[in-house]
C-alpha atoms as a PDB file:
ATOM      1  CA  MET A   1     103.778 108.500  61.298  1.00  0.00           C
ATOM      2  CA  PRO A   2     107.006 109.653  63.278  1.00  0.00           C
ATOM      3  CA  ALA A   3     108.827 106.096  64.950  1.00  0.00           C
ATOM      4  CA  PRO A   4     108.274 105.637  69.240  1.00  0.00           C
ATOM      5  CA  ASP A   5     111.182 107.294  71.287  1.00  0.00           C
ATOM      6  CA  THR A   6     113.133 103.966  72.176  1.00  0.00           C
ATOM      7  CA  GLY A   7     115.914 105.446  73.558  1.00  0.00           C
ATOM      8  CA  PRO A   8     116.851 105.561  77.013  1.00  0.00           C
ATOM      9  CA  ARG A   9     114.597 107.174  79.485  1.00  0.00           C
ATOM     10  CA  ILE A  10     114.489 108.437  83.238  1.00  0.00           C
ATOM     11  CA  ASN A  11     111.927 106.642  85.328  1.00  0.00           C
ATOM     12  CA  PRO A  12     109.973 105.615  81.999  1.00  0.00           C
ATOM     13  CA  ALA A  13     106.919 104.242  84.406  1.00  0.00           C
ATOM     14  CA  GLU A  14     106.928 107.436  86.687  1.00  0.00           C
ATOM     15  CA  GLU A  15     103.780 106.718  88.342  1.00  0.00           C
ATOM     16  CA  ILE A  16     102.617 107.599  92.008  1.00  0.00           C
ATOM     17  CA  ILE A  17     100.011 104.662  93.482  1.00  0.00           C
ATOM     18  CA  ALA A  18      98.461 105.412  97.009  1.00  0.00           C
ATOM     19  CA  THR A  19      96.197 104.680  99.530  1.00  0.00           C
ATOM     20  CA  LYS A  20      95.997 105.641 103.726  1.00  0.00           C
ATOM     21  CA  GLY A  21      99.320 107.476 103.297  1.00  0.00           C
ATOM     22  CA  LEU A  22     101.051 104.701 102.037  1.00  0.00           C
ATOM     23  CA  ALA A  23     102.270 105.429  98.898  1.00  0.00           C
ATOM     24  CA  ILE A  24     104.345 103.051  96.156  1.00  0.00           C
ATOM     25  CA  ARG A  25     106.257 105.306  93.423  1.00  0.00           C
ATOM     26  CA  PHE A  26     107.408 103.470  90.274  1.00  0.00           C
ATOM     27  CA  LEU A  27     110.606 104.029  88.938  1.00  0.00           C
ATOM     28  CA  LEU A  28     110.806 100.882  86.459  1.00  0.00           C
ATOM     29  CA  THR A  29     108.251  98.328  85.801  1.00  0.00           C
ATOM     30  CA  GLY A  30     109.044  94.834  83.596  1.00  0.00           C
ATOM     31  CA  GLU A  31     107.815  96.016  80.319  1.00  0.00           C
ATOM     32  CA  SER A  32     110.563  98.437  80.163  1.00  0.00           C
ATOM     33  CA  SER A  33     113.124  96.357  81.650  1.00  0.00           C
ATOM     34  CA  ASN A  34     112.180  93.599  79.730  1.00  0.00           C
ATOM     35  CA  GLY A  35     110.918  91.695  82.749  1.00  0.00           C
ATOM     36  CA  SER A  36     113.933  91.832  84.394  1.00  0.00           C
ATOM     37  CA  VAL A  37     113.631  94.028  87.200  1.00  0.00           C
ATOM     38  CA  ALA A  38     111.027  96.432  88.327  1.00  0.00           C
ATOM     39  CA  THR A  39     111.480  99.276  90.672  1.00  0.00           C
ATOM     40  CA  PHE A  40     109.684 101.298  93.159  1.00  0.00           C
ATOM     41  CA  GLU A  41     109.742 103.656  95.880  1.00  0.00           C
ATOM     42  CA  LEU A  42     107.905 102.552  99.021  1.00  0.00           C
ATOM     43  CA  MET A  43     106.508 105.362 101.062  1.00  0.00           C
ATOM     44  CA  VAL A  44     105.156 104.765 104.261  1.00  0.00           C
ATOM     45  CA  PRO A  45     104.230 107.404 107.282  1.00  0.00           C
ATOM     46  CA  CYS A  46     104.783 107.243 110.628  1.00  0.00           C
ATOM     47  CA  SER A  47     102.480 104.404 112.732  1.00  0.00           C
ATOM     48  CA  GLU A  48     101.280 102.532 109.906  1.00  0.00           C
ATOM     49  CA  GLY A  49     102.541  99.476 108.280  1.00  0.00           C
ATOM     50  CA  LEU A  50     101.519  96.658 105.251  1.00  0.00           C
ATOM     51  CA  PRO A  51      97.427  96.790 104.952  1.00  0.00           C
ATOM     52  CA  ALA A  52      97.568  93.525 103.111  1.00  0.00           C
ATOM     53  CA  PRO A  53      98.127  90.602 105.399  1.00  0.00           C
ATOM     54  CA  ALA A  54     101.552  88.834 105.970  1.00  0.00           C
ATOM     55  CA  HIS A  55     103.095  87.207 102.742  1.00  0.00           C
ATOM     56  CA  SER A  56     105.532  84.943 100.685  1.00  0.00           C
ATOM     57  CA  HIS A  57     106.491  85.432  97.016  1.00  0.00           C
ATOM     58  CA  ASP A  58     106.291  82.957  94.469  1.00  0.00           C
ATOM     59  CA  HIS A  59     108.212  84.154  91.847  1.00  0.00           C
ATOM     60  CA  TYR A  60     110.919  87.350  92.436  1.00  0.00           C
ATOM     61  CA  GLU A  61     113.109  88.284  95.151  1.00  0.00           C
ATOM     62  CA  GLU A  62     112.464  91.628  96.730  1.00  0.00           C
ATOM     63  CA  THR A  63     115.259  93.581  97.832  1.00  0.00           C
ATOM     64  CA  ILE A  64     114.614  96.559  99.911  1.00  0.00           C
ATOM     65  CA  TYR A  65     116.846  99.876 100.349  1.00  0.00           C
ATOM     66  CA  GLY A  66     116.334 102.180 103.040  1.00  0.00           C
ATOM     67  CA  LEU A  67     116.001 105.734 102.173  1.00  0.00           C
ATOM     68  CA  GLU A  68     114.537 107.790 104.933  1.00  0.00           C
ATOM     69  CA  GLY A  69     113.195 107.289 108.241  1.00  0.00           C
ATOM     70  CA  VAL A  70     113.177 103.407 109.692  1.00  0.00           C
ATOM     71  CA  LEU A  71     111.148 100.259 108.610  1.00  0.00           C
ATOM     72  CA  ARG A  72     110.654  97.635 110.809  1.00  0.00           C
ATOM     73  CA  TRP A  73     110.385  94.534 108.896  1.00  0.00           C
ATOM     74  CA  THR A  74     109.412  90.759 110.180  1.00  0.00           C
ATOM     75  CA  VAL A  75     110.488  88.527 107.641  1.00  0.00           C
ATOM     76  CA  ASP A  76     110.283  84.271 108.968  1.00  0.00           C
ATOM     77  CA  GLY A  77     109.401  85.747 112.276  1.00  0.00           C
ATOM     78  CA  ALA A  78     112.579  87.473 112.778  1.00  0.00           C
ATOM     79  CA  THR A  79     112.573  91.180 113.129  1.00  0.00           C
ATOM     80  CA  VAL A  80     115.231  93.372 111.706  1.00  0.00           C
ATOM     81  CA  GLU A  81     114.803  97.304 111.361  1.00  0.00           C
ATOM     82  CA  LEU A  82     115.666  98.917 107.904  1.00  0.00           C
ATOM     83  CA  GLY A  83     117.338 102.460 108.085  1.00  0.00           C
ATOM     84  CA  PRO A  84     119.022 104.801 105.594  1.00  0.00           C
ATOM     85  CA  GLY A  85     121.746 102.971 103.492  1.00  0.00           C
ATOM     86  CA  ASP A  86     120.530  99.483 105.353  1.00  0.00           C
ATOM     87  CA  VAL A  87     119.605  96.811 102.559  1.00  0.00           C
ATOM     88  CA  LEU A  88     117.841  93.764 102.708  1.00  0.00           C
ATOM     89  CA  CYS A  89     116.814  91.311 101.071  1.00  0.00           C
ATOM     90  CA  ILE A  90     113.817  89.051 100.557  1.00  0.00           C
ATOM     91  CA  PRO A  91     113.907  85.505  99.280  1.00  0.00           C
ATOM     92  CA  ARG A  92     111.212  83.692  97.505  1.00  0.00           C
ATOM     93  CA  GLY A  93     108.883  82.184  99.709  1.00  0.00           C
ATOM     94  CA  ALA A  94     110.054  84.233 102.702  1.00  0.00           C
ATOM     95  CA  VAL A  95     106.707  85.211 104.785  1.00  0.00           C
ATOM     96  CA  HIS A  96     107.316  89.178 105.293  1.00  0.00           C
ATOM     97  CA  ARG A  97     105.438  92.257 105.988  1.00  0.00           C
ATOM     98  CA  PHE A  98     106.565  95.802 107.250  1.00  0.00           C
ATOM     99  CA  ASP A  99     105.364  98.685 109.775  1.00  0.00           C
ATOM    100  CA  ASN A 100     106.801 101.960 110.732  1.00  0.00           C
ATOM    101  CA  LYS A 101     106.456 102.228 113.954  1.00  0.00           C
ATOM    102  CA  GLY A 102     108.649 105.384 114.020  1.00  0.00           C
ATOM    103  CA  ASN A 103     107.701 109.218 114.346  1.00  0.00           C
ATOM    104  CA  VAL A 104     108.642 110.313 110.773  1.00  0.00           C
ATOM    105  CA  ASP A 105     107.644 108.670 107.788  1.00  0.00           C
ATOM    106  CA  ALA A 106     109.962 106.507 105.829  1.00  0.00           C
ATOM    107  CA  LYS A 107     110.615 105.993 102.326  1.00  0.00           C
ATOM    108  CA  ALA A 108     112.480 103.187 100.516  1.00  0.00           C
ATOM    109  CA  LEU A 109     113.550 101.652  97.552  1.00  0.00           C
ATOM    110  CA  CYS A 110     112.246  98.363  96.269  1.00  0.00           C
ATOM    111  CA  VAL A 111     113.418  95.936  93.653  1.00  0.00           C
ATOM    112  CA  ILE A 112     111.452  92.765  92.086  1.00  0.00           C
ATOM    113  CA  THR A 113     113.976  90.043  90.292  1.00  0.00           C
ATOM    114  CA  PRO A 114     112.829  89.347  88.275  1.00  0.00           C
ATOM    115  CA  ALA A 115     109.995  91.589  87.408  1.00  0.00           C
ATOM    116  CA  ALA A 116     107.079  89.680  88.518  1.00  0.00           C
ATOM    117  CA  ILE A 117     104.711  92.155  89.866  1.00  0.00           C
ATOM    118  CA  GLY A 118     104.172  95.167  88.777  1.00  0.00           C
ATOM    119  CA  PRO A 119     101.688  98.725  89.321  1.00  0.00           C
ATOM    120  CA  ASP A 120      98.309  96.245  88.403  1.00  0.00           C
ATOM    121  CA  TYR A 121      98.671  94.443  91.771  1.00  0.00           C
ATOM    122  CA  PHE A 122      99.179  97.753  94.114  1.00  0.00           C
ATOM    123  CA  ARG A 123      96.587  99.520  91.828  1.00  0.00           C
ATOM    124  CA  GLU A 124      94.235  96.324  92.864  1.00  0.00           C
ATOM    125  CA  THR A 125      94.346  96.595  96.237  1.00  0.00           C
ATOM    126  CA  PHE A 126      94.692  99.503  97.288  1.00  0.00           C
ATOM    127  CA  ALA A 127      91.381  99.933  95.710  1.00  0.00           C
ATOM    128  CA  VAL A 128      89.842  97.586  97.667  1.00  0.00           C
ATOM    129  CA  ILE A 129      91.741  98.904 100.798  1.00  0.00           C
ATOM    130  CA  ASN A 130      90.216 102.611  99.893  1.00  0.00           C
ATOM    131  CA  GLU A 131      86.212 101.018  99.354  1.00  0.00           C
ATOM    132  CA  ALA A 132      86.730  99.684 103.060  1.00  0.00           C
ATOM    133  CA  ALA A 133      86.709 103.371 104.165  1.00  0.00           C
ATOM    134  CA  GLY A 134      89.389 103.360 106.693  1.00  0.00           C
ATOM    135  CA  GLY A 135      87.673  99.525 107.695  1.00  0.00           C
ATOM    136  CA  PRO A 136      89.074  96.367 107.320  1.00  0.00           C
ATOM    137  CA  PRO A 137      89.904  95.823 103.778  1.00  0.00           C
ATOM    138  CA  ASP A 138      87.124  92.722 102.097  1.00  0.00           C
ATOM    139  CA  ARG A 139      90.079  89.570 103.317  1.00  0.00           C
ATOM    140  CA  ALA A 140      88.602  87.275 100.501  1.00  0.00           C
ATOM    141  CA  ARG A 141      88.923  90.123  97.763  1.00  0.00           C
ATOM    142  CA  MET A 142      92.859  90.889  98.955  1.00  0.00           C
ATOM    143  CA  LEU A 143      93.302  87.394  99.151  1.00  0.00           C
ATOM    144  CA  GLU A 144      92.265  86.676  95.397  1.00  0.00           C
ATOM    145  CA  ILE A 145      94.166  89.806  94.551  1.00  0.00           C
ATOM    146  CA  MET A 146      97.641  88.747  95.645  1.00  0.00           C
ATOM    147  CA  ARG A 147      97.175  85.048  94.321  1.00  0.00           C
ATOM    148  CA  ARG A 148      96.594  86.157  90.961  1.00  0.00           C
ATOM    149  CA  HIS A 149      99.498  88.494  91.128  1.00  0.00           C
ATOM    150  CA  GLY A 150     102.462  85.578  92.719  1.00  0.00           C
ATOM    151  CA  LEU A 151     101.596  86.103  96.487  1.00  0.00           C
ATOM    152  CA  THR A 152     101.023  83.524  98.719  1.00  0.00           C
ATOM    153  CA  PRO A 153      99.111  85.248 101.808  1.00  0.00           C
ATOM    154  CA  ALA A 154     100.113  84.155 104.911  1.00  0.00           C
ATOM    155  CA  ALA A 155      97.983  82.322 107.567  1.00  0.00           C
ATOM    156  CA  PRO A 156      96.488  85.261 109.946  1.00  0.00           C
ATOM    157  CA  PRO A 157      97.850  84.940 113.316  1.00  0.00           C
ATOM    158  CA  LYS A 158      96.570  83.247 116.192  1.00  0.00           C
ATOM    159  CA  THR A 159      94.457  85.054 118.250  1.00  0.00           C
END
């Protein structure tokens, strides 16, 4: 029986998870980095946004590097626009969300340190979104998944 390949690999976690045009392309997971970092591309079509509630992360920082287009991030109530070459670090506990209000698709590289979240979170939440068939996703299920993966959902905005 041949020994498993343990040498360096490009994009060892190559996987695309998608819903409603929004896509996550995992490049590196905690399994591939001894838990130190997870990296994925976030692809957001124009006029789309985060399909999950605004939230914070309990156990990791998220650093976002703009690659294409512009994403509007709201972090602890402050709004910033992240374009190509821009970087934004979202510290643990900061409530945030994103939207693409532009007329072109946007892409960003997301770096999670340490790698406390991985593809399972996106598979599970995107499944709930897809089951909603264009309607609002089941909020209780979304919140349960978020909490189980170390995300704290923000209170819904007051209307």
